[in-house]
Amino acid sequence: MSYGVAVALQQAVYQALVADPVLGGLVAGAIYDAVPPGIVSGTYVSLGPEDVREASDKTGHGALHEITVSVVTDAAGFSTAKEVATAVSDALVDAELPLARGALVYLNFYRARARRVQDADMRRIDLKFRARVQDS
């Protein structure tokens, strides 16, 4: 296994989201690698947790990254959150992301979870993507 591609993958995913004009328009550029401190109002996208497991094979070292991208909004209902989640998915699924280290073999949608945030009038959708990377 190699965790060596983790930073390069995170940077590439973030850049793909920031560069997407549809997504940027929907959230007015509010796409974060780390959410600013305090309460953030409106609708935003944030990179979240990541789980990684061994995926080396006879061609070399590799890993399977399960990446979470969250959509959070204070808009009523789930319509806004789902529209933004769709744009996130469109920007990432099957994307050919250049990595500063290693190579992306594939990037696919895995699952999503939509819910109301407890004790707040917020909606949240956590999208999970699976990225298979090869370290070079």
C-alpha atoms as a PDB file:
ATOM      1  CA  MET A   1       0.000   0.000   0.000  1.00  0.00           C
ATOM      2  CA  SER A   2       0.987   3.553  -0.479  1.00  0.00           C
ATOM      3  CA  TYR A   3      -0.579   6.586   1.113  1.00  0.00           C
ATOM      4  CA  GLY A   4       1.799   8.722  -0.924  1.00  0.00           C
ATOM      5  CA  VAL A   5      -0.828   9.913  -3.401  1.00  0.00           C
ATOM      6  CA  ALA A   6      -3.254  11.219  -0.746  1.00  0.00           C
ATOM      7  CA  VAL A   7      -2.213  14.873  -0.852  1.00  0.00           C
ATOM      8  CA  ALA A   8      -2.050  14.954  -4.648  1.00  0.00           C
ATOM      9  CA  LEU A   9      -5.519  13.392  -4.899  1.00  0.00           C
ATOM     10  CA  GLN A  10      -7.031  15.840  -2.405  1.00  0.00           C
ATOM     11  CA  GLN A  11      -5.511  18.797  -4.267  1.00  0.00           C
ATOM     12  CA  ALA A  12      -6.779  17.512  -7.624  1.00  0.00           C
ATOM     13  CA  VAL A  13     -10.317  16.916  -6.325  1.00  0.00           C
ATOM     14  CA  TYR A  14     -10.413  20.377  -4.767  1.00  0.00           C
ATOM     15  CA  GLN A  15      -9.122  22.010  -7.957  1.00  0.00           C
ATOM     16  CA  ALA A  16     -11.705  20.138 -10.060  1.00  0.00           C
ATOM     17  CA  LEU A  17     -14.498  21.413  -7.830  1.00  0.00           C
ATOM     18  CA  VAL A  18     -13.209  24.994  -7.757  1.00  0.00           C
ATOM     19  CA  ALA A  19     -12.722  25.027 -11.540  1.00  0.00           C
ATOM     20  CA  ASP A  20     -16.232  23.776 -12.334  1.00  0.00           C
ATOM     21  CA  PRO A  21     -18.265  26.784 -13.545  1.00  0.00           C
ATOM     22  CA  VAL A  22     -21.684  25.221 -12.860  1.00  0.00           C
ATOM     23  CA  LEU A  23     -20.788  24.288  -9.292  1.00  0.00           C
ATOM     24  CA  GLY A  24     -19.075  27.624  -8.677  1.00  0.00           C
ATOM     25  CA  GLY A  25     -22.172  29.460  -9.847  1.00  0.00           C
ATOM     26  CA  LEU A  26     -24.500  27.451  -7.628  1.00  0.00           C
ATOM     27  CA  VAL A  27     -22.493  28.119  -4.459  1.00  0.00           C
ATOM     28  CA  ALA A  28     -21.015  31.515  -5.388  1.00  0.00           C
ATOM     29  CA  GLY A  29     -17.516  30.048  -5.081  1.00  0.00           C
ATOM     30  CA  ALA A  30     -18.077  28.707  -1.549  1.00  0.00           C
ATOM     31  CA  ILE A  31     -15.997  25.552  -1.983  1.00  0.00           C
ATOM     32  CA  TYR A  32     -13.741  24.748   0.946  1.00  0.00           C
ATOM     33  CA  ASP A  33     -10.924  22.383   1.718  1.00  0.00           C
ATOM     34  CA  ALA A  34     -11.496  23.427   5.335  1.00  0.00           C
ATOM     35  CA  VAL A  35     -14.699  25.193   6.367  1.00  0.00           C
ATOM     36  CA  PRO A  36     -14.038  28.639   7.883  1.00  0.00           C
ATOM     37  CA  PRO A  37     -14.543  28.865  11.651  1.00  0.00           C
ATOM     38  CA  GLY A  38     -17.930  29.924  12.967  1.00  0.00           C
ATOM     39  CA  ILE A  39     -21.313  29.567  11.361  1.00  0.00           C
ATOM     40  CA  VAL A  40     -21.279  29.614   7.572  1.00  0.00           C
ATOM     41  CA  SER A  41     -24.580  30.687   6.063  1.00  0.00           C
ATOM     42  CA  GLY A  42     -25.898  29.992   2.599  1.00  0.00           C
ATOM     43  CA  THR A  43     -24.855  26.949   0.605  1.00  0.00           C
ATOM     44  CA  TYR A  44     -21.343  25.568   0.445  1.00  0.00           C
ATOM     45  CA  VAL A  45     -19.296  22.522  -0.508  1.00  0.00           C
ATOM     46  CA  SER A  46     -16.574  21.097   1.698  1.00  0.00           C
ATOM     47  CA  LEU A  47     -14.074  18.273   1.420  1.00  0.00           C
ATOM     48  CA  GLY A  48     -14.618  15.862   4.276  1.00  0.00           C
ATOM     49  CA  PRO A  49     -13.339  12.627   5.755  1.00  0.00           C
ATOM     50  CA  GLU A  50     -11.449  10.048   3.756  1.00  0.00           C
ATOM     51  CA  ASP A  51     -10.931   6.336   4.268  1.00  0.00           C
ATOM     52  CA  VAL A  52      -8.080   4.593   2.462  1.00  0.00           C
ATOM     53  CA  ARG A  53      -7.268   0.955   2.025  1.00  0.00           C
ATOM     54  CA  GLU A  54      -4.588  -1.128   0.350  1.00  0.00           C
ATOM     55  CA  ALA A  55      -5.030  -1.748  -3.365  1.00  0.00           C
ATOM     56  CA  SER A  56      -1.595  -2.710  -4.664  1.00  0.00           C
ATOM     57  CA  ASP A  57      -1.317  -5.259  -7.413  1.00  0.00           C
ATOM     58  CA  LYS A  58       1.399  -6.766  -9.605  1.00  0.00           C
ATOM     59  CA  THR A  59       1.751  -3.466 -11.481  1.00  0.00           C
ATOM     60  CA  GLY A  60       2.737  -1.527  -8.353  1.00  0.00           C
ATOM     61  CA  HIS A  61       1.658   0.203  -5.166  1.00  0.00           C
ATOM     62  CA  GLY A  62      -1.835   1.587  -5.002  1.00  0.00           C
ATOM     63  CA  ALA A  63      -4.706   2.543  -2.771  1.00  0.00           C
ATOM     64  CA  LEU A  64      -8.472   2.890  -2.833  1.00  0.00           C
ATOM     65  CA  HIS A  65      -9.573   6.228  -1.387  1.00  0.00           C
ATOM     66  CA  GLU A  66     -13.156   6.739  -0.239  1.00  0.00           C
ATOM     67  CA  ILE A  67     -13.564  10.504  -0.331  1.00  0.00           C
ATOM     68  CA  THR A  68     -16.428  12.467   1.203  1.00  0.00           C
ATOM     69  CA  VAL A  69     -17.592  15.751  -0.286  1.00  0.00           C
ATOM     70  CA  SER A  70     -20.311  17.510   1.701  1.00  0.00           C
ATOM     71  CA  VAL A  71     -22.977  19.927   0.525  1.00  0.00           C
ATOM     72  CA  VAL A  72     -24.458  22.043   3.314  1.00  0.00           C
ATOM     73  CA  THR A  73     -27.248  24.587   2.949  1.00  0.00           C
ATOM     74  CA  ASP A  74     -29.651  26.651   5.000  1.00  0.00           C
ATOM     75  CA  ALA A  75     -32.104  26.734   2.063  1.00  0.00           C
ATOM     76  CA  ALA A  76     -35.514  25.225   2.812  1.00  0.00           C
ATOM     77  CA  GLY A  77     -36.033  21.660   1.647  1.00  0.00           C
ATOM     78  CA  PHE A  78     -33.510  19.464  -0.116  1.00  0.00           C
ATOM     79  CA  SER A  79     -33.891  20.836  -3.639  1.00  0.00           C
ATOM     80  CA  THR A  80     -30.954  23.264  -3.444  1.00  0.00           C
ATOM     81  CA  ALA A  81     -28.709  20.718  -1.750  1.00  0.00           C
ATOM     82  CA  LYS A  82     -29.529  18.090  -4.376  1.00  0.00           C
ATOM     83  CA  GLU A  83     -28.888  20.498  -7.241  1.00  0.00           C
ATOM     84  CA  VAL A  84     -25.459  21.294  -5.821  1.00  0.00           C
ATOM     85  CA  ALA A  85     -24.767  17.611  -5.087  1.00  0.00           C
ATOM     86  CA  THR A  86     -25.562  16.822  -8.724  1.00  0.00           C
ATOM     87  CA  ALA A  87     -23.033  19.434  -9.864  1.00  0.00           C
ATOM     88  CA  VAL A  88     -20.391  17.953  -7.524  1.00  0.00           C
ATOM     89  CA  SER A  89     -21.039  14.509  -8.941  1.00  0.00           C
ATOM     90  CA  ASP A  90     -20.924  15.794 -12.527  1.00  0.00           C
ATOM     91  CA  ALA A  91     -17.578  17.486 -11.828  1.00  0.00           C
ATOM     92  CA  LEU A  92     -15.949  14.389 -10.318  1.00  0.00           C
ATOM     93  CA  VAL A  93     -17.369  11.187 -11.804  1.00  0.00           C
ATOM     94  CA  ASP A  94     -14.969   9.777 -14.390  1.00  0.00           C
ATOM     95  CA  ALA A  95     -12.873  12.949 -14.184  1.00  0.00           C
ATOM     96  CA  GLU A  96      -9.359  12.666 -15.550  1.00  0.00           C
ATOM     97  CA  LEU A  97      -7.571  14.521 -12.784  1.00  0.00           C
ATOM     98  CA  PRO A  98      -3.875  15.237 -13.178  1.00  0.00           C
ATOM     99  CA  LEU A  99      -2.024  14.342  -9.979  1.00  0.00           C
ATOM    100  CA  ALA A 100       1.237  15.864  -8.763  1.00  0.00           C
ATOM    101  CA  ARG A 101       2.234  12.353  -7.660  1.00  0.00           C
ATOM    102  CA  GLY A 102       1.012   9.014  -8.949  1.00  0.00           C
ATOM    103  CA  ALA A 103      -1.911   8.440 -11.256  1.00  0.00           C
ATOM    104  CA  LEU A 104      -5.674   8.295 -10.939  1.00  0.00           C
ATOM    105  CA  VAL A 105      -7.009   4.994 -12.273  1.00  0.00           C
ATOM    106  CA  TYR A 106     -10.676   5.888 -11.745  1.00  0.00           C
ATOM    107  CA  LEU A 107     -12.981   8.153  -9.754  1.00  0.00           C
ATOM    108  CA  ASN A 108     -16.567   6.932  -9.284  1.00  0.00           C
ATOM    109  CA  PHE A 109     -19.626   7.838  -7.247  1.00  0.00           C
ATOM    110  CA  TYR A 110     -20.177   5.339  -4.424  1.00  0.00           C
ATOM    111  CA  ARG A 111     -23.102   6.579  -2.313  1.00  0.00           C
ATOM    112  CA  ALA A 112     -24.759   9.601  -0.713  1.00  0.00           C
ATOM    113  CA  ARG A 113     -26.610  10.385   2.477  1.00  0.00           C
ATOM    114  CA  ALA A 114     -29.029  13.333   2.734  1.00  0.00           C
ATOM    115  CA  ARG A 115     -30.275  14.524   6.099  1.00  0.00           C
ATOM    116  CA  ARG A 116     -31.345  17.480   8.202  1.00  0.00           C
ATOM    117  CA  VAL A 117     -28.712  18.710  10.611  1.00  0.00           C
ATOM    118  CA  GLN A 118     -29.852  18.293  14.218  1.00  0.00           C
ATOM    119  CA  ASP A 119     -30.645  21.493  16.139  1.00  0.00           C
ATOM    120  CA  ALA A 120     -30.232  23.644  13.021  1.00  0.00           C
ATOM    121  CA  ASP A 121     -32.380  24.495  10.062  1.00  0.00           C
ATOM    122  CA  MET A 122     -29.750  23.091   7.705  1.00  0.00           C
ATOM    123  CA  ARG A 123     -29.644  20.323   5.114  1.00  0.00           C
ATOM    124  CA  ARG A 124     -26.557  18.224   4.426  1.00  0.00           C
ATOM    125  CA  ILE A 125     -25.681  15.731   1.737  1.00  0.00           C
ATOM    126  CA  ASP A 126     -22.502  13.693   2.144  1.00  0.00           C
ATOM    127  CA  LEU A 127     -21.396  12.288  -1.199  1.00  0.00           C
ATOM    128  CA  LYS A 128     -18.875   9.471  -1.180  1.00  0.00           C
ATOM    129  CA  PHE A 129     -16.612   8.791  -4.119  1.00  0.00           C
ATOM    130  CA  ARG A 130     -14.123   6.003  -4.642  1.00  0.00           C
ATOM    131  CA  ALA A 131     -10.815   6.833  -6.234  1.00  0.00           C
ATOM    132  CA  ARG A 132      -8.304   4.143  -7.180  1.00  0.00           C
ATOM    133  CA  VAL A 133      -4.777   5.523  -7.396  1.00  0.00           C
ATOM    134  CA  GLN A 134      -1.447   4.101  -8.407  1.00  0.00           C
ATOM    135  CA  ASP A 135       1.745   5.419  -6.814  1.00  0.00           C
ATOM    136  CA  SER A 136       4.711   5.945  -9.077  1.00  0.00           C
END
